[in-house]
PDB file of N, CA and C in Angstrom:
ATOM      1  N   MET A   1       1.253  63.912 -15.589  1.00  0.00           N
ATOM      2  CA  MET A   1       2.489  64.484 -15.111  1.00  0.00           C
ATOM      3  C   MET A   1       3.696  63.691 -15.629  1.00  0.00           C
ATOM      4  N   GLU A   2       3.624  62.365 -15.639  1.00  0.00           N
ATOM      5  CA  GLU A   2       4.743  61.565 -16.108  1.00  0.00           C
ATOM      6  C   GLU A   2       4.996  61.778 -17.595  1.00  0.00           C
ATOM      7  N   LEU A   3       3.938  61.920 -18.370  1.00  0.00           N
ATOM      8  CA  LEU A   3       4.089  62.142 -19.801  1.00  0.00           C
ATOM      9  C   LEU A   3       4.801  63.476 -20.062  1.00  0.00           C
ATOM     10  N   ARG A   4       4.440  64.498 -19.311  1.00  0.00           N
ATOM     11  CA  ARG A   4       5.080  65.798 -19.473  1.00  0.00           C
ATOM     12  C   ARG A   4       6.571  65.726 -19.154  1.00  0.00           C
ATOM     13  N   SER A   5       6.926  65.081 -18.059  1.00  0.00           N
ATOM     14  CA  SER A   5       8.340  64.996 -17.696  1.00  0.00           C
ATOM     15  C   SER A   5       9.115  64.155 -18.716  1.00  0.00           C
ATOM     16  N   PHE A   6       8.507  63.103 -19.269  1.00  0.00           N
ATOM     17  CA  PHE A   6       9.163  62.311 -20.295  1.00  0.00           C
ATOM     18  C   PHE A   6       9.425  63.156 -21.534  1.00  0.00           C
ATOM     19  N   HIS A   7       8.437  63.971 -21.921  1.00  0.00           N
ATOM     20  CA  HIS A   7       8.567  64.810 -23.105  1.00  0.00           C
ATOM     21  C   HIS A   7       9.694  65.835 -22.933  1.00  0.00           C
ATOM     22  N   VAL A   8       9.800  66.439 -21.785  1.00  0.00           N
ATOM     23  CA  VAL A   8      10.844  67.429 -21.520  1.00  0.00           C
ATOM     24  C   VAL A   8      12.212  66.774 -21.560  1.00  0.00           C
ATOM     25  N   ILE A   9      12.359  65.612 -20.950  1.00  0.00           N
ATOM     26  CA  ILE A   9      13.649  64.917 -20.925  1.00  0.00           C
ATOM     27  C   ILE A   9      14.046  64.463 -22.323  1.00  0.00           C
ATOM     28  N   SER A  10      13.104  63.941 -23.099  1.00  0.00           N
ATOM     29  CA  SER A  10      13.436  63.459 -24.432  1.00  0.00           C
ATOM     30  C   SER A  10      13.810  64.609 -25.357  1.00  0.00           C
ATOM     31  N   GLN A  11      13.220  65.770 -25.188  1.00  0.00           N
ATOM     32  CA  GLN A  11      13.597  66.930 -26.008  1.00  0.00           C
ATOM     33  C   GLN A  11      15.002  67.399 -25.678  1.00  0.00           C
ATOM     34  N   GLN A  12      15.381  67.366 -24.415  1.00  0.00           N
ATOM     35  CA  GLN A  12      16.709  67.809 -24.026  1.00  0.00           C
ATOM     36  C   GLN A  12      17.784  66.881 -24.581  1.00  0.00           C
ATOM     37  N   LYS A  13      17.531  65.584 -24.611  1.00  0.00           N
ATOM     38  CA  LYS A  13      18.510  64.629 -25.125  1.00  0.00           C
ATOM     39  C   LYS A  13      18.671  64.760 -26.626  1.00  0.00           C
ATOM     40  N   GLY A  14      17.561  64.950 -27.345  1.00  0.00           N
ATOM     41  CA  GLY A  14      17.594  64.965 -28.796  1.00  0.00           C
ATOM     42  C   GLY A  14      18.130  66.252 -29.398  1.00  0.00           C
ATOM     43  N   ARG A  15      18.183  67.302 -28.637  1.00  0.00           N
ATOM     44  CA  ARG A  15      18.587  68.586 -29.190  1.00  0.00           C
ATOM     45  C   ARG A  15      20.030  68.881 -28.851  1.00  0.00           C
ATOM     46  N   SER A  16      20.812  69.101 -29.884  1.00  0.00           N
ATOM     47  CA  SER A  16      22.196  69.475 -29.655  1.00  0.00           C
ATOM     48  C   SER A  16      22.285  70.963 -29.379  1.00  0.00           C
ATOM     49  N   GLY A  17      21.205  71.686 -29.540  1.00  0.00           N
ATOM     50  CA  GLY A  17      20.920  73.085 -29.514  1.00  0.00           C
ATOM     51  C   GLY A  17      21.844  74.086 -28.867  1.00  0.00           C
ATOM     52  N   LYS A  18      22.875  73.715 -28.174  1.00  0.00           N
ATOM     53  CA  LYS A  18      23.765  74.703 -27.585  1.00  0.00           C
ATOM     54  C   LYS A  18      24.565  75.366 -28.689  1.00  0.00           C
ATOM     55  N   VAL A  19      24.345  76.653 -28.859  1.00  0.00           N
ATOM     56  CA  VAL A  19      25.114  77.388 -29.850  1.00  0.00           C
ATOM     57  C   VAL A  19      26.211  78.169 -29.145  1.00  0.00           C
ATOM     58  N   ARG A  20      27.311  78.362 -29.857  1.00  0.00           N
ATOM     59  CA  ARG A  20      28.451  79.085 -29.302  1.00  0.00           C
ATOM     60  C   ARG A  20      28.869  80.176 -30.274  1.00  0.00           C
ATOM     61  N   THR A  21      29.592  81.124 -29.768  1.00  0.00           N
ATOM     62  CA  THR A  21      30.129  82.183 -30.602  1.00  0.00           C
ATOM     63  C   THR A  21      31.003  81.564 -31.686  1.00  0.00           C
ATOM     64  N   GLY A  22      30.804  81.996 -32.912  1.00  0.00           N
ATOM     65  CA  GLY A  22      31.561  81.470 -34.041  1.00  0.00           C
ATOM     66  C   GLY A  22      30.839  80.383 -34.809  1.00  0.00           C
ATOM     67  N   ASP A  23      29.743  79.850 -34.277  1.00  0.00           N
ATOM     68  CA  ASP A  23      28.991  78.799 -34.966  1.00  0.00           C
ATOM     69  C   ASP A  23      28.326  79.346 -36.223  1.00  0.00           C
ATOM     70  N   ILE A  24      28.185  78.487 -37.224  1.00  0.00           N
ATOM     71  CA  ILE A  24      27.414  78.804 -38.421  1.00  0.00           C
ATOM     72  C   ILE A  24      25.991  78.319 -38.163  1.00  0.00           C
ATOM     73  N   VAL A  25      25.010  79.185 -38.406  1.00  0.00           N
ATOM     74  CA  VAL A  25      23.619  78.868 -38.103  1.00  0.00           C
ATOM     75  C   VAL A  25      22.731  79.202 -39.298  1.00  0.00           C
ATOM     76  N   LEU A  26      21.550  78.606 -39.309  1.00  0.00           N
ATOM     77  CA  LEU A  26      20.509  78.962 -40.269  1.00  0.00           C
ATOM     78  C   LEU A  26      19.561  79.938 -39.595  1.00  0.00           C
ATOM     79  N   LEU A  27      19.046  80.888 -40.358  1.00  0.00           N
ATOM     80  CA  LEU A  27      18.082  81.848 -39.843  1.00  0.00           C
ATOM     81  C   LEU A  27      16.692  81.429 -40.293  1.00  0.00           C
ATOM     82  N   GLN A  28      15.884  80.971 -39.351  1.00  0.00           N
ATOM     83  CA  GLN A  28      14.545  80.478 -39.662  1.00  0.00           C
ATOM     84  C   GLN A  28      13.676  81.622 -40.144  1.00  0.00           C
ATOM     85  N   GLU A  29      13.005  81.397 -41.278  1.00  0.00           N
ATOM     86  CA  GLU A  29      12.076  82.364 -41.843  1.00  0.00           C
ATOM     87  C   GLU A  29      10.776  81.644 -42.138  1.00  0.00           C
ATOM     88  N   ASP A  30       9.668  82.179 -41.671  1.00  0.00           N
ATOM     89  CA  ASP A  30       8.380  81.506 -41.799  1.00  0.00           C
ATOM     90  C   ASP A  30       7.857  81.457 -43.229  1.00  0.00           C
ATOM     91  N   ARG A  31       8.172  82.449 -44.013  1.00  0.00           N
ATOM     92  CA  ARG A  31       7.568  82.546 -45.337  1.00  0.00           C
ATOM     93  C   ARG A  31       8.390  81.905 -46.454  1.00  0.00           C
ATOM     94  N   THR A  32       9.544  81.373 -46.133  1.00  0.00           N
ATOM     95  CA  THR A  32      10.374  80.763 -47.173  1.00  0.00           C
ATOM     96  C   THR A  32      10.662  79.306 -46.825  1.00  0.00           C
ATOM     97  N   PRO A  33      10.884  78.469 -47.835  1.00  0.00           N
ATOM     98  CA  PRO A  33      11.221  77.070 -47.561  1.00  0.00           C
ATOM     99  C   PRO A  33      12.599  76.951 -46.899  1.00  0.00           C
ATOM    100  N   ARG A  34      12.771  75.919 -46.122  1.00  0.00           N
ATOM    101  CA  ARG A  34      14.010  75.716 -45.369  1.00  0.00           C
ATOM    102  C   ARG A  34      15.241  75.685 -46.279  1.00  0.00           C
ATOM    103  N   ARG A  35      15.102  75.167 -47.461  1.00  0.00           N
ATOM    104  CA  ARG A  35      16.255  75.028 -48.351  1.00  0.00           C
ATOM    105  C   ARG A  35      16.842  76.362 -48.773  1.00  0.00           C
ATOM    106  N   ILE A  36      16.119  77.461 -48.607  1.00  0.00           N
ATOM    107  CA  ILE A  36      16.679  78.758 -48.981  1.00  0.00           C
ATOM    108  C   ILE A  36      16.817  79.709 -47.783  1.00  0.00           C
ATOM    109  N   TRP A  37      16.778  79.171 -46.555  1.00  0.00           N
ATOM    110  CA  TRP A  37      17.050  79.998 -45.385  1.00  0.00           C
ATOM    111  C   TRP A  37      18.484  80.513 -45.464  1.00  0.00           C
ATOM    112  N   LYS A  38      18.707  81.707 -44.953  1.00  0.00           N
ATOM    113  CA  LYS A  38      20.033  82.314 -44.978  1.00  0.00           C
ATOM    114  C   LYS A  38      20.920  81.725 -43.888  1.00  0.00           C
ATOM    115  N   LYS A  39      22.221  81.744 -44.158  1.00  0.00           N
ATOM    116  CA  LYS A  39      23.202  81.303 -43.167  1.00  0.00           C
ATOM    117  C   LYS A  39      23.895  82.524 -42.588  1.00  0.00           C
ATOM    118  N   ALA A  40      24.356  82.405 -41.345  1.00  0.00           N
ATOM    119  CA  ALA A  40      25.072  83.501 -40.690  1.00  0.00           C
ATOM    120  C   ALA A  40      26.029  82.914 -39.661  1.00  0.00           C
ATOM    121  N   ARG A  41      26.973  83.741 -39.223  1.00  0.00           N
ATOM    122  CA  ARG A  41      27.912  83.345 -38.174  1.00  0.00           C
ATOM    123  C   ARG A  41      27.485  84.032 -36.884  1.00  0.00           C
ATOM    124  N   LEU A  42      27.453  83.264 -35.790  1.00  0.00           N
ATOM    125  CA  LEU A  42      27.053  83.792 -34.490  1.00  0.00           C
ATOM    126  C   LEU A  42      28.190  84.630 -33.911  1.00  0.00           C
ATOM    127  N   GLU A  43      27.922  85.895 -33.661  1.00  0.00           N
ATOM    128  CA  GLU A  43      28.927  86.807 -33.127  1.00  0.00           C
ATOM    129  C   GLU A  43      28.844  86.935 -31.605  1.00  0.00           C
ATOM    130  N   GLU A  44      27.604  86.958 -31.069  1.00  0.00           N
ATOM    131  CA  GLU A  44      27.426  87.209 -29.642  1.00  0.00           C
ATOM    132  C   GLU A  44      26.067  86.687 -29.192  1.00  0.00           C
ATOM    133  N   LEU A  45      26.006  86.204 -27.957  1.00  0.00           N
ATOM    134  CA  LEU A  45      24.749  85.794 -27.339  1.00  0.00           C
ATOM    135  C   LEU A  45      24.404  86.784 -26.235  1.00  0.00           C
ATOM    136  N   LYS A  46      23.167  87.241 -26.213  1.00  0.00           N
ATOM    137  CA  LYS A  46      22.729  88.180 -25.185  1.00  0.00           C
ATOM    138  C   LYS A  46      21.817  87.448 -24.213  1.00  0.00           C
ATOM    139  N   VAL A  47      22.068  87.658 -22.931  1.00  0.00           N
ATOM    140  CA  VAL A  47      21.346  86.971 -21.868  1.00  0.00           C
ATOM    141  C   VAL A  47      20.306  87.920 -21.284  1.00  0.00           C
ATOM    142  N   GLY A  48      19.117  87.381 -20.986  1.00  0.00           N
ATOM    143  CA  GLY A  48      18.055  88.169 -20.382  1.00  0.00           C
ATOM    144  C   GLY A  48      18.249  88.315 -18.882  1.00  0.00           C
ATOM    145  N   ARG A  49      17.347  89.048 -18.251  1.00  0.00           N
ATOM    146  CA  ARG A  49      17.432  89.272 -16.799  1.00  0.00           C
ATOM    147  C   ARG A  49      17.294  87.986 -16.002  1.00  0.00           C
ATOM    148  N   ASP A  50      16.640  86.988 -16.590  1.00  0.00           N
ATOM    149  CA  ASP A  50      16.447  85.715 -15.895  1.00  0.00           C
ATOM    150  C   ASP A  50      17.630  84.767 -16.072  1.00  0.00           C
ATOM    151  N   GLY A  51      18.660  85.184 -16.797  1.00  0.00           N
ATOM    152  CA  GLY A  51      19.842  84.354 -16.977  1.00  0.00           C
ATOM    153  C   GLY A  51      19.788  83.442 -18.187  1.00  0.00           C
ATOM    154  N   ALA A  52      18.673  83.424 -18.906  1.00  0.00           N
ATOM    155  CA  ALA A  52      18.533  82.581 -20.093  1.00  0.00           C
ATOM    156  C   ALA A  52      18.962  83.358 -21.339  1.00  0.00           C
ATOM    157  N   THR A  53      19.529  82.652 -22.303  1.00  0.00           N
ATOM    158  CA  THR A  53      19.921  83.281 -23.559  1.00  0.00           C
ATOM    159  C   THR A  53      18.670  83.637 -24.336  1.00  0.00           C
ATOM    160  N   ARG A  54      18.559  84.900 -24.727  1.00  0.00           N
ATOM    161  CA  ARG A  54      17.357  85.383 -25.398  1.00  0.00           C
ATOM    162  C   ARG A  54      17.596  85.850 -26.830  1.00  0.00           C
ATOM    163  N   THR A  55      18.754  86.436 -27.110  1.00  0.00           N
ATOM    164  CA  THR A  55      18.997  87.083 -28.382  1.00  0.00           C
ATOM    165  C   THR A  55      20.365  86.692 -28.928  1.00  0.00           C
ATOM    166  N   ALA A  56      20.447  86.603 -30.249  1.00  0.00           N
ATOM    167  CA  ALA A  56      21.711  86.306 -30.913  1.00  0.00           C
ATOM    168  C   ALA A  56      22.068  87.453 -31.849  1.00  0.00           C
ATOM    169  N   VAL A  57      23.318  87.882 -31.782  1.00  0.00           N
ATOM    170  CA  VAL A  57      23.854  88.870 -32.724  1.00  0.00           C
ATOM    171  C   VAL A  57      24.635  88.076 -33.763  1.00  0.00           C
ATOM    172  N   LEU A  58      24.287  88.265 -35.041  1.00  0.00           N
ATOM    173  CA  LEU A  58      24.819  87.450 -36.120  1.00  0.00           C
ATOM    174  C   LEU A  58      25.441  88.326 -37.206  1.00  0.00           C
ATOM    175  N   ARG A  59      26.370  87.743 -37.967  1.00  0.00           N
ATOM    176  CA  ARG A  59      26.932  88.425 -39.125  1.00  0.00           C
ATOM    177  C   ARG A  59      26.558  87.611 -40.348  1.00  0.00           C
ATOM    178  N   GLY A  60      25.826  88.248 -41.268  1.00  0.00           N
ATOM    179  CA  GLY A  60      25.362  87.590 -42.478  1.00  0.00           C
ATOM    180  C   GLY A  60      26.474  87.401 -43.492  1.00  0.00           C
ATOM    181  N   ALA A  61      26.157  86.714 -44.581  1.00  0.00           N
ATOM    182  CA  ALA A  61      27.135  86.421 -45.626  1.00  0.00           C
ATOM    183  C   ALA A  61      27.653  87.690 -46.299  1.00  0.00           C
ATOM    184  N   ASN A  62      26.825  88.719 -46.374  1.00  0.00           N
ATOM    185  CA  ASN A  62      27.247  89.967 -47.004  1.00  0.00           C
ATOM    186  C   ASN A  62      27.861  90.951 -46.006  1.00  0.00           C
ATOM    187  N   GLY A  63      28.087  90.512 -44.766  1.00  0.00           N
ATOM    188  CA  GLY A  63      28.765  91.327 -43.763  1.00  0.00           C
ATOM    189  C   GLY A  63      27.871  92.153 -42.877  1.00  0.00           C
ATOM    190  N   ASN A  64      26.565  92.139 -43.125  1.00  0.00           N
ATOM    191  CA  ASN A  64      25.681  92.942 -42.286  1.00  0.00           C
ATOM    192  C   ASN A  64      25.417  92.249 -40.950  1.00  0.00           C
ATOM    193  N   VAL A  65      25.153  93.054 -39.922  1.00  0.00           N
ATOM    194  CA  VAL A  65      24.901  92.540 -38.573  1.00  0.00           C
ATOM    195  C   VAL A  65      23.401  92.397 -38.377  1.00  0.00           C
ATOM    196  N   LEU A  66      22.979  91.234 -37.891  1.00  0.00           N
ATOM    197  CA  LEU A  66      21.573  90.936 -37.640  1.00  0.00           C
ATOM    198  C   LEU A  66      21.382  90.607 -36.168  1.00  0.00           C
ATOM    199  N   VAL A  67      20.241  90.955 -35.629  1.00  0.00           N
ATOM    200  CA  VAL A  67      19.878  90.578 -34.267  1.00  0.00           C
ATOM    201  C   VAL A  67      18.584  89.791 -34.363  1.00  0.00           C
ATOM    202  N   ARG A  68      18.607  88.550 -33.873  1.00  0.00           N
ATOM    203  CA  ARG A  68      17.435  87.667 -33.963  1.00  0.00           C
ATOM    204  C   ARG A  68      17.179  86.999 -32.613  1.00  0.00           C
ATOM    205  N   PRO A  69      15.919  86.645 -32.331  1.00  0.00           N
ATOM    206  CA  PRO A  69      15.639  85.846 -31.139  1.00  0.00           C
ATOM    207  C   PRO A  69      16.294  84.480 -31.272  1.00  0.00           C
ATOM    208  N   ILE A  70      16.745  83.934 -30.171  1.00  0.00           N
ATOM    209  CA  ILE A  70      17.468  82.660 -30.188  1.00  0.00           C
ATOM    210  C   ILE A  70      16.594  81.524 -30.718  1.00  0.00           C
ATOM    211  N   GLN A  71      15.276  81.650 -30.599  1.00  0.00           N
ATOM    212  CA  GLN A  71      14.365  80.606 -31.088  1.00  0.00           C
ATOM    213  C   GLN A  71      14.389  80.491 -32.606  1.00  0.00           C
ATOM    214  N   LEU A  72      14.818  81.543 -33.306  1.00  0.00           N
ATOM    215  CA  LEU A  72      14.841  81.534 -34.766  1.00  0.00           C
ATOM    216  C   LEU A  72      16.223  81.236 -35.323  1.00  0.00           C
ATOM    217  N   VAL A  73      17.147  80.831 -34.467  1.00  0.00           N
ATOM    218  CA  VAL A  73      18.517  80.505 -34.873  1.00  0.00           C
ATOM    219  C   VAL A  73      18.696  78.993 -34.756  1.00  0.00           C
ATOM    220  N   ILE A  74      18.960  78.349 -35.888  1.00  0.00           N
ATOM    221  CA  ILE A  74      19.077  76.890 -35.939  1.00  0.00           C
ATOM    222  C   ILE A  74      20.543  76.523 -36.148  1.00  0.00           C
ATOM    223  N   PRO A  75      21.183  75.847 -35.171  1.00  0.00           N
ATOM    224  CA  PRO A  75      22.601  75.501 -35.343  1.00  0.00           C
ATOM    225  C   PRO A  75      22.797  74.423 -36.403  1.00  0.00           C
ATOM    226  N   LEU A  76      23.860  74.559 -37.168  1.00  0.00           N
ATOM    227  CA  LEU A  76      24.242  73.530 -38.140  1.00  0.00           C
ATOM    228  C   LEU A  76      25.219  72.577 -37.480  1.00  0.00           C
ATOM    229  N   ASP A  77      25.159  71.315 -37.836  1.00  0.00           N
ATOM    230  CA  ASP A  77      26.093  70.321 -37.314  1.00  0.00           C
ATOM    231  C   ASP A  77      27.332  70.316 -38.184  1.00  0.00           C
ATOM    232  N   VAL A  78      28.291  71.164 -37.826  1.00  0.00           N
ATOM    233  CA  VAL A  78      29.552  71.228 -38.555  1.00  0.00           C
ATOM    234  C   VAL A  78      30.695  71.054 -37.572  1.00  0.00           C
ATOM    235  N   ASP A  79      31.823  70.583 -38.072  1.00  0.00           N
ATOM    236  CA  ASP A  79      33.007  70.378 -37.252  1.00  0.00           C
ATOM    237  C   ASP A  79      33.645  71.729 -36.930  1.00  0.00           C
ATOM    238  N   HIS A  80      34.052  71.933 -35.696  1.00  0.00           N
ATOM    239  CA  HIS A  80      34.666  73.175 -35.251  1.00  0.00           C
ATOM    240  C   HIS A  80      36.184  73.104 -35.302  1.00  0.00           C
ATOM    241  N   GLY A  81      36.723  72.435 -36.291  1.00  0.00           N
ATOM    242  CA  GLY A  81      38.166  72.363 -36.441  1.00  0.00           C
ATOM    243  C   GLY A  81      38.834  71.502 -35.387  1.00  0.00           C
ATOM    244  N   GLY A  82      38.134  70.517 -34.842  1.00  0.00           N
ATOM    245  CA  GLY A  82      38.717  69.599 -33.879  1.00  0.00           C
ATOM    246  C   GLY A  82      38.696  70.085 -32.458  1.00  0.00           C
ATOM    247  N   GLU A  83      38.007  71.170 -32.137  1.00  0.00           N
ATOM    248  CA  GLU A  83      37.976  71.699 -30.773  1.00  0.00           C
ATOM    249  C   GLU A  83      37.401  70.693 -29.779  1.00  0.00           C
ATOM    250  N   ASP A  84      36.337  69.993 -30.179  1.00  0.00           N
ATOM    251  CA  ASP A  84      35.648  69.101 -29.263  1.00  0.00           C
ATOM    252  C   ASP A  84      36.098  67.654 -29.384  1.00  0.00           C
ATOM    253  N   VAL A  85      37.022  67.378 -30.272  1.00  0.00           N
ATOM    254  CA  VAL A  85      37.446  66.001 -30.535  1.00  0.00           C
ATOM    255  C   VAL A  85      38.662  65.683 -29.682  1.00  0.00           C
ATOM    256  N   GLU A  86      38.588  64.557 -28.975  1.00  0.00           N
ATOM    257  CA  GLU A  86      39.709  64.127 -28.147  1.00  0.00           C
ATOM    258  C   GLU A  86      40.628  63.225 -28.940  1.00  0.00           C
ATOM    259  N   ASP A  87      41.923  63.325 -28.698  1.00  0.00           N
ATOM    260  CA  ASP A  87      42.869  62.437 -29.351  1.00  0.00           C
ATOM    261  C   ASP A  87      42.835  61.066 -28.679  1.00  0.00           C
ATOM    262  N   PRO A  88      42.855  59.979 -29.479  1.00  0.00           N
ATOM    263  CA  PRO A  88      42.810  58.628 -28.880  1.00  0.00           C
ATOM    264  C   PRO A  88      44.105  58.266 -28.186  1.00  0.00           C
TER     265      PRO A  88
END
C-alpha cells in the first residue's frame, strides 16, 4: 500500500500535465516515432460526466479540427508570453 501511494504522489509532482486552451501540444501516435508527431493548438477541453477532462478539441497546422482523447495529447513546455511569470 505504501509503495502505491508513493508512486501516485511522485507521478503527480513530476508531471506538469495541466493543459490549457491555447497550448501547443504534440499528438501521440503509436505507429510513428516521436520526432515526427504532429503539433496542434488546444482549442477546447471536454469534461466527462465524472468531472474529469476526457477529450481535447485541437486545431492542426493545416487548420483542420481534430478531436483526441486527453491521454494522447502531450503538452509542450513553452512560454505563454509571460502569463505565469511574476515580476520581481
